[in-house]
Amino acid sequence: MKTFDERLAILNNEIIKQQKKGWQIANRNDLTCQLIKEKKPEIIVVVILFLLFVIPGLLYLILMKGSITVYIEINEEGEVKYSGKDLSPYELDKLKTEYVDTVVNGRKLSPYEIEMREKAAGGDKKTISQTPFMSQTTNALGLLTTSAIAEGLKISEEEVIKLITTDQLKGKKIGDKYFVRKEDFDEFMKK
């Protein structure tokens, strides 16, 4: 059995050894000692994480440059066919259903406005790929809601109600909601 002084000397030697390795004394008694050391990231872990996340991210940014090619073909029946090796079937389908952006007086026109302007310009130029805006917003009576008009014109519902209450757009209040006949809205769009 070691004496108290021998055990104290062993503890002091261990403390000195560990302090050389970067440990610091947090708490010490006669025969015990608590050491602490700041955590440092393991270099190998840092390298692995860098390789797993940063390099693929940089490669993605570098390799994603370039252009996407889409082919549009009109067959003998006048049907539109989209194809391209760079796009998924979903993206190709999305191309078929999107409207071309049209801007008038700095404001993007809604699909319905585009359709109405095309009709007023001489015939219905609606393509096969365009879904009719009206079928989504009218009911069996041929009435449009203020929210449907607002969505189509890209204005607020309050602005549509103001157009109705100031007699710029013909409409009726039924209950607590305003409705506009499709014919009245078509007439308004021609103005």
N, C-alpha and C. Protein backbone atom coordinates (compact mmCIF):
# COMPACT_ATOMS: atom_id res chain seq x y z
N MET A 1 0.84 -1.17 0.00
CA MET A 1 0.00 0.00 0.00
C MET A 1 0.90 1.24 0.00
N LYS A 2 0.48 2.23 -0.84
CA LYS A 2 1.26 3.46 -0.98
C LYS A 2 0.87 4.44 0.11
N THR A 3 1.80 5.25 0.48
CA THR A 3 1.53 6.27 1.49
C THR A 3 0.84 7.44 0.83
N PHE A 4 0.35 8.35 1.63
CA PHE A 4 -0.35 9.53 1.14
C PHE A 4 0.58 10.35 0.26
N ASP A 5 1.82 10.56 0.67
CA ASP A 5 2.76 11.37 -0.10
C ASP A 5 3.10 10.71 -1.44
N GLU A 6 3.21 9.38 -1.45
CA GLU A 6 3.50 8.66 -2.69
C GLU A 6 2.32 8.80 -3.67
N ARG A 7 1.11 8.65 -3.16
CA ARG A 7 -0.09 8.79 -4.00
C ARG A 7 -0.20 10.22 -4.53
N LEU A 8 0.14 11.23 -3.71
CA LEU A 8 0.10 12.63 -4.13
C LEU A 8 1.12 12.87 -5.25
N ALA A 9 2.30 12.26 -5.12
CA ALA A 9 3.34 12.41 -6.14
C ALA A 9 2.89 11.78 -7.47
N ILE A 10 2.25 10.61 -7.40
CA ILE A 10 1.75 9.94 -8.60
C ILE A 10 0.69 10.82 -9.29
N LEU A 11 -0.20 11.40 -8.49
CA LEU A 11 -1.24 12.29 -9.04
C LEU A 11 -0.62 13.50 -9.72
N ASN A 12 0.39 14.10 -9.07
CA ASN A 12 1.05 15.27 -9.65
C ASN A 12 1.72 14.91 -10.98
N ASN A 13 2.37 13.74 -11.05
CA ASN A 13 3.00 13.29 -12.30
C ASN A 13 1.96 13.10 -13.41
N GLU A 14 0.82 12.50 -13.07
CA GLU A 14 -0.26 12.29 -14.06
C GLU A 14 -0.82 13.63 -14.54
N ILE A 15 -0.97 14.56 -13.61
CA ILE A 15 -1.49 15.89 -13.99
C ILE A 15 -0.53 16.57 -14.95
N ILE A 16 0.77 16.52 -14.65
CA ILE A 16 1.77 17.15 -15.52
C ILE A 16 1.75 16.50 -16.91
N LYS A 17 1.65 15.17 -16.96
CA LYS A 17 1.60 14.45 -18.23
C LYS A 17 0.39 14.89 -19.06
N GLN A 18 -0.75 15.00 -18.41
CA GLN A 18 -1.98 15.35 -19.12
C GLN A 18 -2.00 16.83 -19.51
N GLN A 19 -1.37 17.69 -18.69
CA GLN A 19 -1.32 19.11 -19.05
C GLN A 19 -0.48 19.32 -20.31
N LYS A 20 0.52 18.50 -20.52
CA LYS A 20 1.33 18.58 -21.74
C LYS A 20 0.50 18.22 -22.97
N LYS A 21 -0.55 17.44 -22.76
CA LYS A 21 -1.44 17.04 -23.86
C LYS A 21 -2.58 18.03 -24.06
N GLY A 22 -2.61 19.11 -23.29
CA GLY A 22 -3.62 20.15 -23.48
C GLY A 22 -4.74 20.16 -22.46
N TRP A 23 -4.68 19.27 -21.47
CA TRP A 23 -5.73 19.25 -20.44
C TRP A 23 -5.45 20.32 -19.40
N GLN A 24 -6.54 20.84 -18.79
CA GLN A 24 -6.41 21.84 -17.74
C GLN A 24 -7.14 21.35 -16.50
N ILE A 25 -6.68 21.82 -15.36
CA ILE A 25 -7.28 21.41 -14.09
C ILE A 25 -8.56 22.22 -13.88
N ALA A 26 -9.66 21.49 -13.66
CA ALA A 26 -10.94 22.14 -13.37
C ALA A 26 -11.20 22.12 -11.86
N ASN A 27 -10.84 21.00 -11.23
CA ASN A 27 -11.08 20.85 -9.80
C ASN A 27 -10.06 19.85 -9.26
N ARG A 28 -9.53 20.13 -8.04
CA ARG A 28 -8.52 19.23 -7.50
C ARG A 28 -8.69 19.08 -6.00
N ASN A 29 -8.56 17.84 -5.54
CA ASN A 29 -8.53 17.52 -4.11
C ASN A 29 -7.16 16.94 -3.82
N ASP A 30 -7.00 16.38 -2.64
CA ASP A 30 -5.70 15.81 -2.28
C ASP A 30 -5.30 14.66 -3.19
N LEU A 31 -6.23 13.74 -3.47
CA LEU A 31 -5.88 12.55 -4.24
C LEU A 31 -6.72 12.38 -5.51
N THR A 32 -7.49 13.39 -5.86
CA THR A 32 -8.28 13.34 -7.09
C THR A 32 -8.13 14.65 -7.83
N CYS A 33 -8.39 14.57 -9.13
CA CYS A 33 -8.28 15.77 -9.96
C CYS A 33 -9.26 15.63 -11.12
N GLN A 34 -9.93 16.74 -11.44
CA GLN A 34 -10.83 16.77 -12.60
C GLN A 34 -10.16 17.63 -13.66
N LEU A 35 -9.99 17.08 -14.85
CA LEU A 35 -9.35 17.77 -15.96
C LEU A 35 -10.38 18.06 -17.06
N ILE A 36 -10.19 19.16 -17.75
CA ILE A 36 -11.06 19.50 -18.89
C ILE A 36 -10.20 19.86 -20.09
N LYS A 37 -10.80 19.73 -21.27
CA LYS A 37 -10.11 20.07 -22.51
C LYS A 37 -11.16 20.55 -23.50
N GLU A 38 -10.86 21.64 -24.21
CA GLU A 38 -11.78 22.14 -25.22
C GLU A 38 -11.92 21.13 -26.35
N LYS A 39 -13.15 20.98 -26.81
CA LYS A 39 -13.37 20.07 -27.93
C LYS A 39 -12.82 20.69 -29.20
N LYS A 40 -12.16 19.88 -29.97
CA LYS A 40 -11.68 20.30 -31.28
C LYS A 40 -12.21 19.31 -32.30
N PRO A 41 -12.61 19.80 -33.44
CA PRO A 41 -13.14 18.86 -34.43
C PRO A 41 -12.04 17.93 -34.92
N GLU A 42 -12.42 16.71 -35.13
CA GLU A 42 -11.49 15.73 -35.69
C GLU A 42 -11.25 16.09 -37.15
N ILE A 43 -10.02 16.14 -37.52
CA ILE A 43 -9.67 16.53 -38.88
C ILE A 43 -10.28 15.57 -39.90
N ILE A 44 -10.27 14.31 -39.61
CA ILE A 44 -10.80 13.32 -40.56
C ILE A 44 -12.30 13.52 -40.76
N VAL A 45 -13.01 13.85 -39.67
CA VAL A 45 -14.45 14.09 -39.78
C VAL A 45 -14.71 15.34 -40.60
N VAL A 46 -13.92 16.38 -40.37
CA VAL A 46 -14.07 17.61 -41.14
C VAL A 46 -13.83 17.34 -42.62
N VAL A 47 -12.80 16.58 -42.93
CA VAL A 47 -12.49 16.26 -44.32
C VAL A 47 -13.61 15.45 -44.95
N ILE A 48 -14.14 14.47 -44.23
CA ILE A 48 -15.23 13.64 -44.76
C ILE A 48 -16.48 14.48 -45.01
N LEU A 49 -16.83 15.32 -44.05
CA LEU A 49 -18.01 16.18 -44.24
C LEU A 49 -17.82 17.14 -45.41
N PHE A 50 -16.62 17.67 -45.54
CA PHE A 50 -16.32 18.56 -46.66
C PHE A 50 -16.50 17.83 -47.98
N LEU A 51 -15.96 16.61 -48.05
CA LEU A 51 -16.07 15.83 -49.28
C LEU A 51 -17.51 15.44 -49.58
N LEU A 52 -18.29 15.16 -48.54
CA LEU A 52 -19.67 14.72 -48.74
C LEU A 52 -20.61 15.85 -49.14
N PHE A 53 -20.38 17.06 -48.63
CA PHE A 53 -21.36 18.12 -48.84
C PHE A 53 -20.86 19.28 -49.70
N VAL A 54 -19.70 19.78 -49.45
CA VAL A 54 -19.25 20.97 -50.16
C VAL A 54 -18.86 20.64 -51.59
N ILE A 55 -18.07 19.62 -51.78
CA ILE A 55 -17.62 19.30 -53.13
C ILE A 55 -18.79 18.91 -54.04
N PRO A 56 -19.73 18.06 -53.59
CA PRO A 56 -20.89 17.80 -54.47
C PRO A 56 -21.69 19.07 -54.77
N GLY A 57 -21.81 19.94 -53.80
CA GLY A 57 -22.52 21.20 -54.04
C GLY A 57 -21.83 22.04 -55.09
N LEU A 58 -20.51 22.13 -55.00
CA LEU A 58 -19.76 22.89 -55.99
C LEU A 58 -19.83 22.23 -57.37
N LEU A 59 -19.73 20.91 -57.40
CA LEU A 59 -19.84 20.20 -58.68
C LEU A 59 -21.21 20.41 -59.32
N TYR A 60 -22.25 20.38 -58.48
CA TYR A 60 -23.60 20.62 -58.99
C TYR A 60 -23.69 22.00 -59.64
N LEU A 61 -23.15 23.01 -58.96
CA LEU A 61 -23.21 24.36 -59.51
C LEU A 61 -22.43 24.47 -60.82
N ILE A 62 -21.29 23.79 -60.88
CA ILE A 62 -20.46 23.85 -62.08
C ILE A 62 -21.12 23.09 -63.23
N LEU A 63 -21.63 21.89 -62.94
CA LEU A 63 -22.17 21.04 -64.00
C LEU A 63 -23.56 21.45 -64.47
N MET A 64 -24.29 22.23 -63.68
CA MET A 64 -25.64 22.62 -64.07
C MET A 64 -25.67 23.80 -65.03
N LYS A 65 -24.52 24.28 -65.43
CA LYS A 65 -24.48 25.35 -66.42
C LYS A 65 -24.79 24.76 -67.78
N GLY A 66 -25.24 25.59 -68.66
CA GLY A 66 -25.55 25.11 -70.00
C GLY A 66 -26.97 25.47 -70.36
N SER A 67 -27.51 24.76 -71.31
CA SER A 67 -28.86 25.06 -71.77
C SER A 67 -29.69 23.80 -71.85
N ILE A 68 -30.99 24.00 -71.84
CA ILE A 68 -31.95 22.90 -71.97
C ILE A 68 -32.57 23.02 -73.36
N THR A 69 -32.69 21.90 -74.04
CA THR A 69 -33.25 21.91 -75.40
C THR A 69 -34.62 21.27 -75.39
N VAL A 70 -35.57 21.96 -75.99
CA VAL A 70 -36.93 21.45 -76.14
C VAL A 70 -37.31 21.56 -77.62
N TYR A 71 -37.89 20.50 -78.14
CA TYR A 71 -38.34 20.48 -79.52
C TYR A 71 -39.86 20.57 -79.56
N ILE A 72 -40.38 21.46 -80.41
CA ILE A 72 -41.81 21.61 -80.59
C ILE A 72 -42.12 21.18 -82.01
N GLU A 73 -43.03 20.23 -82.14
CA GLU A 73 -43.39 19.71 -83.46
C GLU A 73 -44.90 19.81 -83.62
N ILE A 74 -45.33 20.27 -84.77
CA ILE A 74 -46.76 20.34 -85.09
C ILE A 74 -47.02 19.27 -86.14
N ASN A 75 -47.88 18.31 -85.79
CA ASN A 75 -48.13 17.22 -86.73
C ASN A 75 -49.16 17.64 -87.79
N GLU A 76 -49.53 16.74 -88.68
CA GLU A 76 -50.42 17.06 -89.79
C GLU A 76 -51.80 17.49 -89.34
N GLU A 77 -52.23 17.02 -88.16
CA GLU A 77 -53.54 17.41 -87.63
C GLU A 77 -53.48 18.74 -86.88
N GLY A 78 -52.29 19.33 -86.78
CA GLY A 78 -52.14 20.60 -86.09
C GLY A 78 -51.94 20.46 -84.59
N GLU A 79 -51.68 19.25 -84.12
CA GLU A 79 -51.46 19.03 -82.70
C GLU A 79 -50.01 19.36 -82.34
N VAL A 80 -49.84 19.90 -81.16
CA VAL A 80 -48.52 20.29 -80.69
C VAL A 80 -47.89 19.14 -79.93
N LYS A 81 -46.63 18.83 -80.24
CA LYS A 81 -45.90 17.78 -79.53
C LYS A 81 -44.58 18.37 -79.04
N TYR A 82 -44.34 18.22 -77.73
CA TYR A 82 -43.10 18.68 -77.12
C TYR A 82 -42.23 17.47 -76.84
N SER A 83 -40.91 17.62 -77.04
CA SER A 83 -39.97 16.56 -76.68
C SER A 83 -38.64 17.20 -76.33
N GLY A 84 -37.86 16.44 -75.59
CA GLY A 84 -36.54 16.93 -75.20
C GLY A 84 -35.91 15.97 -74.22
N LYS A 85 -34.63 15.72 -74.40
CA LYS A 85 -33.95 14.77 -73.53
C LYS A 85 -33.61 15.37 -72.17
N ASP A 86 -33.60 16.70 -72.07
CA ASP A 86 -33.20 17.36 -70.82
C ASP A 86 -34.35 17.51 -69.83
N LEU A 87 -35.59 17.26 -70.25
CA LEU A 87 -36.74 17.47 -69.38
C LEU A 87 -37.47 16.16 -69.09
N SER A 88 -38.02 16.09 -67.89
CA SER A 88 -38.81 14.92 -67.51
C SER A 88 -40.18 15.01 -68.18
N PRO A 89 -40.92 13.89 -68.22
CA PRO A 89 -42.28 13.93 -68.78
C PRO A 89 -43.16 14.97 -68.06
N TYR A 90 -42.98 15.11 -66.75
CA TYR A 90 -43.76 16.11 -66.00
C TYR A 90 -43.44 17.52 -66.48
N GLU A 91 -42.15 17.81 -66.67
CA GLU A 91 -41.76 19.15 -67.13
C GLU A 91 -42.26 19.42 -68.54
N LEU A 92 -42.24 18.40 -69.39
CA LEU A 92 -42.77 18.57 -70.75
C LEU A 92 -44.27 18.83 -70.72
N ASP A 93 -44.99 18.11 -69.85
CA ASP A 93 -46.43 18.31 -69.72
C ASP A 93 -46.72 19.71 -69.20
N LYS A 94 -45.90 20.17 -68.28
CA LYS A 94 -46.07 21.52 -67.73
C LYS A 94 -45.89 22.57 -68.82
N LEU A 95 -44.95 22.35 -69.73
CA LEU A 95 -44.75 23.27 -70.85
C LEU A 95 -46.01 23.37 -71.71
N LYS A 96 -46.68 22.25 -71.90
CA LYS A 96 -47.88 22.22 -72.73
C LYS A 96 -49.01 23.04 -72.14
N THR A 97 -49.08 23.11 -70.83
CA THR A 97 -50.24 23.75 -70.20
C THR A 97 -49.98 25.19 -69.77
N GLU A 98 -48.75 25.67 -69.88
CA GLU A 98 -48.47 27.04 -69.46
C GLU A 98 -48.84 28.02 -70.56
N TYR A 99 -49.28 29.21 -70.13
CA TYR A 99 -49.56 30.28 -71.07
C TYR A 99 -48.29 31.09 -71.29
N VAL A 100 -48.20 31.69 -72.45
CA VAL A 100 -47.10 32.60 -72.72
C VAL A 100 -47.39 33.90 -71.98
N ASP A 101 -46.38 34.42 -71.30
CA ASP A 101 -46.56 35.67 -70.57
C ASP A 101 -46.78 36.81 -71.55
N THR A 102 -47.82 37.58 -71.32
CA THR A 102 -48.10 38.75 -72.12
C THR A 102 -48.17 39.94 -71.18
N VAL A 103 -47.48 41.00 -71.52
CA VAL A 103 -47.43 42.17 -70.66
C VAL A 103 -47.99 43.36 -71.43
N VAL A 104 -48.92 44.07 -70.79
CA VAL A 104 -49.50 45.27 -71.36
C VAL A 104 -49.41 46.36 -70.30
N ASN A 105 -48.87 47.49 -70.67
CA ASN A 105 -48.70 48.62 -69.74
C ASN A 105 -47.97 48.19 -68.46
N GLY A 106 -46.97 47.35 -68.60
CA GLY A 106 -46.17 46.94 -67.46
C GLY A 106 -46.82 45.92 -66.54
N ARG A 107 -48.00 45.41 -66.91
CA ARG A 107 -48.71 44.44 -66.07
C ARG A 107 -48.91 43.16 -66.84
N LYS A 108 -48.64 42.02 -66.17
CA LYS A 108 -48.81 40.71 -66.80
C LYS A 108 -50.30 40.40 -66.93
N LEU A 109 -50.72 40.02 -68.12
CA LEU A 109 -52.12 39.69 -68.35
C LEU A 109 -52.43 38.28 -67.86
N SER A 110 -53.64 38.10 -67.39
CA SER A 110 -54.09 36.78 -66.96
C SER A 110 -54.42 35.94 -68.20
N PRO A 111 -54.52 34.63 -68.03
CA PRO A 111 -54.89 33.77 -69.17
C PRO A 111 -56.24 34.19 -69.77
N TYR A 112 -57.18 34.60 -68.93
CA TYR A 112 -58.48 35.01 -69.46
C TYR A 112 -58.36 36.30 -70.26
N GLU A 113 -57.56 37.24 -69.77
CA GLU A 113 -57.36 38.49 -70.51
C GLU A 113 -56.72 38.22 -71.87
N ILE A 114 -55.77 37.32 -71.89
CA ILE A 114 -55.12 36.97 -73.16
C ILE A 114 -56.15 36.38 -74.12
N GLU A 115 -56.98 35.48 -73.62
CA GLU A 115 -58.01 34.85 -74.44
C GLU A 115 -59.00 35.89 -74.98
N MET A 116 -59.41 36.80 -74.11
CA MET A 116 -60.37 37.84 -74.54
C MET A 116 -59.75 38.77 -75.57
N ARG A 117 -58.48 39.14 -75.39
CA ARG A 117 -57.82 40.00 -76.36
C ARG A 117 -57.66 39.29 -77.71
N GLU A 118 -57.38 38.00 -77.67
CA GLU A 118 -57.26 37.23 -78.91
C GLU A 118 -58.59 37.15 -79.63
N LYS A 119 -59.68 36.97 -78.87
CA LYS A 119 -61.02 36.93 -79.48
C LYS A 119 -61.35 38.27 -80.11
N ALA A 120 -61.06 39.36 -79.41
CA ALA A 120 -61.36 40.69 -79.91
C ALA A 120 -60.51 41.03 -81.13
N ALA A 121 -59.30 40.45 -81.22
CA ALA A 121 -58.40 40.73 -82.33
C ALA A 121 -58.78 39.97 -83.60
N GLY A 122 -59.79 39.12 -83.52
CA GLY A 122 -60.20 38.45 -84.75
C GLY A 122 -60.14 36.95 -84.65
N GLY A 123 -61.06 36.41 -83.93
CA GLY A 123 -61.14 34.96 -83.88
C GLY A 123 -60.50 34.39 -82.64
N ASP A 124 -60.88 33.20 -82.36
CA ASP A 124 -60.38 32.50 -81.18
C ASP A 124 -59.07 31.83 -81.55
N LYS A 125 -57.97 32.37 -81.05
CA LYS A 125 -56.65 31.83 -81.34
C LYS A 125 -56.18 30.89 -80.24
N LYS A 126 -57.08 30.42 -79.44
CA LYS A 126 -56.70 29.56 -78.33
C LYS A 126 -56.10 28.27 -78.87
N THR A 127 -54.98 27.87 -78.31
CA THR A 127 -54.31 26.66 -78.78
C THR A 127 -54.82 25.46 -78.01
N ILE A 128 -54.48 24.31 -78.51
CA ILE A 128 -54.90 23.06 -77.88
C ILE A 128 -54.38 22.95 -76.46
N SER A 129 -53.18 23.48 -76.23
CA SER A 129 -52.54 23.30 -74.93
C SER A 129 -53.14 24.18 -73.83
N GLN A 130 -53.96 25.17 -74.21
CA GLN A 130 -54.49 26.07 -73.20
C GLN A 130 -55.79 25.54 -72.64
N THR A 131 -55.88 25.48 -71.31
CA THR A 131 -57.12 25.08 -70.68
C THR A 131 -57.98 26.31 -70.50
N PRO A 132 -59.26 26.24 -70.79
CA PRO A 132 -60.09 27.44 -70.70
C PRO A 132 -60.23 27.91 -69.25
N PHE A 133 -59.96 29.19 -69.07
CA PHE A 133 -60.05 29.79 -67.74
C PHE A 133 -61.50 29.79 -67.26
N MET A 134 -62.43 30.02 -68.17
CA MET A 134 -63.83 30.16 -67.77
C MET A 134 -64.41 28.87 -67.21
N SER A 135 -63.98 27.72 -67.72
CA SER A 135 -64.54 26.47 -67.23
C SER A 135 -64.22 26.26 -65.77
N GLN A 136 -63.16 26.90 -65.28
CA GLN A 136 -62.78 26.76 -63.88
C GLN A 136 -63.56 27.72 -62.99
N THR A 137 -64.14 28.77 -63.55
CA THR A 137 -64.68 29.84 -62.70
C THR A 137 -66.17 30.10 -62.88
N THR A 138 -66.81 29.47 -63.82
CA THR A 138 -68.23 29.70 -64.00
C THR A 138 -69.01 28.51 -63.48
N ASN A 139 -70.24 28.79 -63.13
CA ASN A 139 -71.11 27.67 -62.75
C ASN A 139 -72.13 27.46 -63.87
N ALA A 140 -73.10 26.65 -63.64
CA ALA A 140 -74.07 26.31 -64.68
C ALA A 140 -74.88 27.52 -65.15
N LEU A 141 -74.97 28.56 -64.32
CA LEU A 141 -75.74 29.76 -64.69
C LEU A 141 -74.92 30.76 -65.49
N GLY A 142 -73.66 30.53 -65.67
CA GLY A 142 -72.82 31.46 -66.41
C GLY A 142 -72.44 32.67 -65.60
N LEU A 143 -72.34 32.51 -64.28
CA LEU A 143 -71.97 33.62 -63.41
C LEU A 143 -70.53 33.48 -62.95
N LEU A 144 -69.85 34.61 -62.83
CA LEU A 144 -68.48 34.65 -62.32
C LEU A 144 -68.49 35.22 -60.91
N THR A 145 -67.67 34.68 -60.05
CA THR A 145 -67.53 35.24 -58.71
C THR A 145 -66.47 36.34 -58.74
N THR A 146 -66.52 37.21 -57.74
CA THR A 146 -65.52 38.28 -57.66
C THR A 146 -64.12 37.70 -57.43
N SER A 147 -64.05 36.62 -56.69
CA SER A 147 -62.73 36.02 -56.45
C SER A 147 -62.16 35.43 -57.73
N ALA A 148 -63.02 34.83 -58.57
CA ALA A 148 -62.55 34.27 -59.84
C ALA A 148 -62.09 35.38 -60.78
N ILE A 149 -62.82 36.47 -60.81
CA ILE A 149 -62.43 37.61 -61.66
C ILE A 149 -61.12 38.20 -61.17
N ALA A 150 -61.02 38.37 -59.84
CA ALA A 150 -59.80 38.93 -59.26
C ALA A 150 -58.59 38.06 -59.58
N GLU A 151 -58.76 36.75 -59.47
CA GLU A 151 -57.67 35.83 -59.78
C GLU A 151 -57.28 35.93 -61.25
N GLY A 152 -58.28 36.00 -62.11
CA GLY A 152 -58.00 36.07 -63.54
C GLY A 152 -57.35 37.37 -63.97
N LEU A 153 -57.75 38.48 -63.33
CA LEU A 153 -57.19 39.79 -63.69
C LEU A 153 -55.96 40.14 -62.88
N LYS A 154 -55.61 39.31 -61.90
CA LYS A 154 -54.47 39.54 -61.02
C LYS A 154 -54.61 40.86 -60.25
N ILE A 155 -55.83 41.07 -59.74
CA ILE A 155 -56.10 42.22 -58.88
C ILE A 155 -56.80 41.69 -57.63
N SER A 156 -57.00 42.56 -56.65
CA SER A 156 -57.64 42.10 -55.42
C SER A 156 -59.15 41.99 -55.63
N GLU A 157 -59.78 41.19 -54.79
CA GLU A 157 -61.23 41.02 -54.85
C GLU A 157 -61.93 42.34 -54.52
N GLU A 158 -61.32 43.13 -53.63
CA GLU A 158 -61.89 44.43 -53.27
C GLU A 158 -61.93 45.36 -54.48
N GLU A 159 -60.91 45.29 -55.35
CA GLU A 159 -60.91 46.11 -56.56
C GLU A 159 -62.03 45.70 -57.50
N VAL A 160 -62.31 44.41 -57.59
CA VAL A 160 -63.40 43.92 -58.44
C VAL A 160 -64.74 44.43 -57.89
N ILE A 161 -64.92 44.36 -56.58
CA ILE A 161 -66.16 44.85 -55.96
C ILE A 161 -66.31 46.35 -56.20
N LYS A 162 -65.20 47.08 -56.14
CA LYS A 162 -65.25 48.52 -56.41
C LYS A 162 -65.67 48.79 -57.85
N LEU A 163 -65.18 47.97 -58.79
CA LEU A 163 -65.59 48.11 -60.20
C LEU A 163 -67.10 47.89 -60.34
N ILE A 164 -67.63 46.95 -59.58
CA ILE A 164 -69.06 46.65 -59.64
C ILE A 164 -69.86 47.79 -59.00
N THR A 165 -69.45 48.24 -57.83
CA THR A 165 -70.22 49.27 -57.11
C THR A 165 -70.14 50.63 -57.80
N THR A 166 -69.11 50.87 -58.60
CA THR A 166 -69.01 52.13 -59.34
C THR A 166 -69.55 51.99 -60.76
N ASP A 167 -70.24 50.88 -61.04
CA ASP A 167 -70.89 50.60 -62.33
C ASP A 167 -69.92 50.56 -63.51
N GLN A 168 -68.65 50.33 -63.27
CA GLN A 168 -67.71 50.13 -64.37
C GLN A 168 -67.84 48.70 -64.91
N LEU A 169 -68.24 47.79 -64.03
CA LEU A 169 -68.47 46.39 -64.38
C LEU A 169 -69.86 46.04 -63.89
N LYS A 170 -70.69 45.50 -64.79
CA LYS A 170 -72.05 45.13 -64.39
C LYS A 170 -72.02 43.90 -63.51
N GLY A 171 -72.70 43.96 -62.38
CA GLY A 171 -72.75 42.84 -61.48
C GLY A 171 -73.91 42.99 -60.50
N LYS A 172 -74.24 41.92 -59.80
CA LYS A 172 -75.33 41.91 -58.83
C LYS A 172 -74.85 41.33 -57.52
N LYS A 173 -75.42 41.87 -56.45
CA LYS A 173 -75.13 41.32 -55.13
C LYS A 173 -76.23 40.32 -54.81
N ILE A 174 -75.84 39.09 -54.55
CA ILE A 174 -76.78 38.04 -54.18
C ILE A 174 -76.34 37.55 -52.80
N GLY A 175 -77.16 37.84 -51.80
CA GLY A 175 -76.76 37.53 -50.43
C GLY A 175 -75.65 38.48 -50.03
N ASP A 176 -74.54 37.94 -49.62
CA ASP A 176 -73.41 38.79 -49.24
C ASP A 176 -72.27 38.74 -50.27
N LYS A 177 -72.54 38.18 -51.46
CA LYS A 177 -71.51 38.07 -52.49
C LYS A 177 -71.97 38.73 -53.77
N TYR A 178 -71.00 39.21 -54.54
CA TYR A 178 -71.26 39.80 -55.83
C TYR A 178 -71.00 38.76 -56.92
N PHE A 179 -71.82 38.83 -57.98
CA PHE A 179 -71.66 37.95 -59.13
C PHE A 179 -71.75 38.77 -60.40
N VAL A 180 -71.04 38.31 -61.44
CA VAL A 180 -71.02 39.00 -62.73
C VAL A 180 -71.34 37.97 -63.80
N ARG A 181 -72.26 38.35 -64.71
CA ARG A 181 -72.56 37.46 -65.82
C ARG A 181 -71.36 37.40 -66.76
N LYS A 182 -71.16 36.25 -67.36
CA LYS A 182 -70.03 36.07 -68.27
C LYS A 182 -70.10 37.07 -69.41
N GLU A 183 -71.27 37.31 -69.93
CA GLU A 183 -71.43 38.26 -71.03
C GLU A 183 -71.04 39.68 -70.61
N ASP A 184 -71.42 40.06 -69.38
CA ASP A 184 -71.06 41.40 -68.90
C ASP A 184 -69.55 41.52 -68.71
N PHE A 185 -68.92 40.45 -68.25
CA PHE A 185 -67.47 40.49 -68.07
C PHE A 185 -66.78 40.57 -69.43
N ASP A 186 -67.28 39.82 -70.42
CA ASP A 186 -66.71 39.87 -71.76
C ASP A 186 -66.81 41.28 -72.32
N GLU A 187 -67.95 41.93 -72.09
CA GLU A 187 -68.13 43.32 -72.55
C GLU A 187 -67.14 44.26 -71.86
N PHE A 188 -66.95 44.06 -70.56
CA PHE A 188 -66.00 44.87 -69.79
C PHE A 188 -64.59 44.69 -70.32
N MET A 189 -64.22 43.49 -70.69
CA MET A 189 -62.86 43.22 -71.18
C MET A 189 -62.60 43.84 -72.55
N LYS A 190 -63.66 44.11 -73.31
CA LYS A 190 -63.48 44.72 -74.63
C LYS A 190 -63.18 46.21 -74.52
N LYS A 191 -63.48 46.80 -73.38
CA LYS A 191 -63.25 48.25 -73.18
C LYS A 191 -61.79 48.57 -73.11
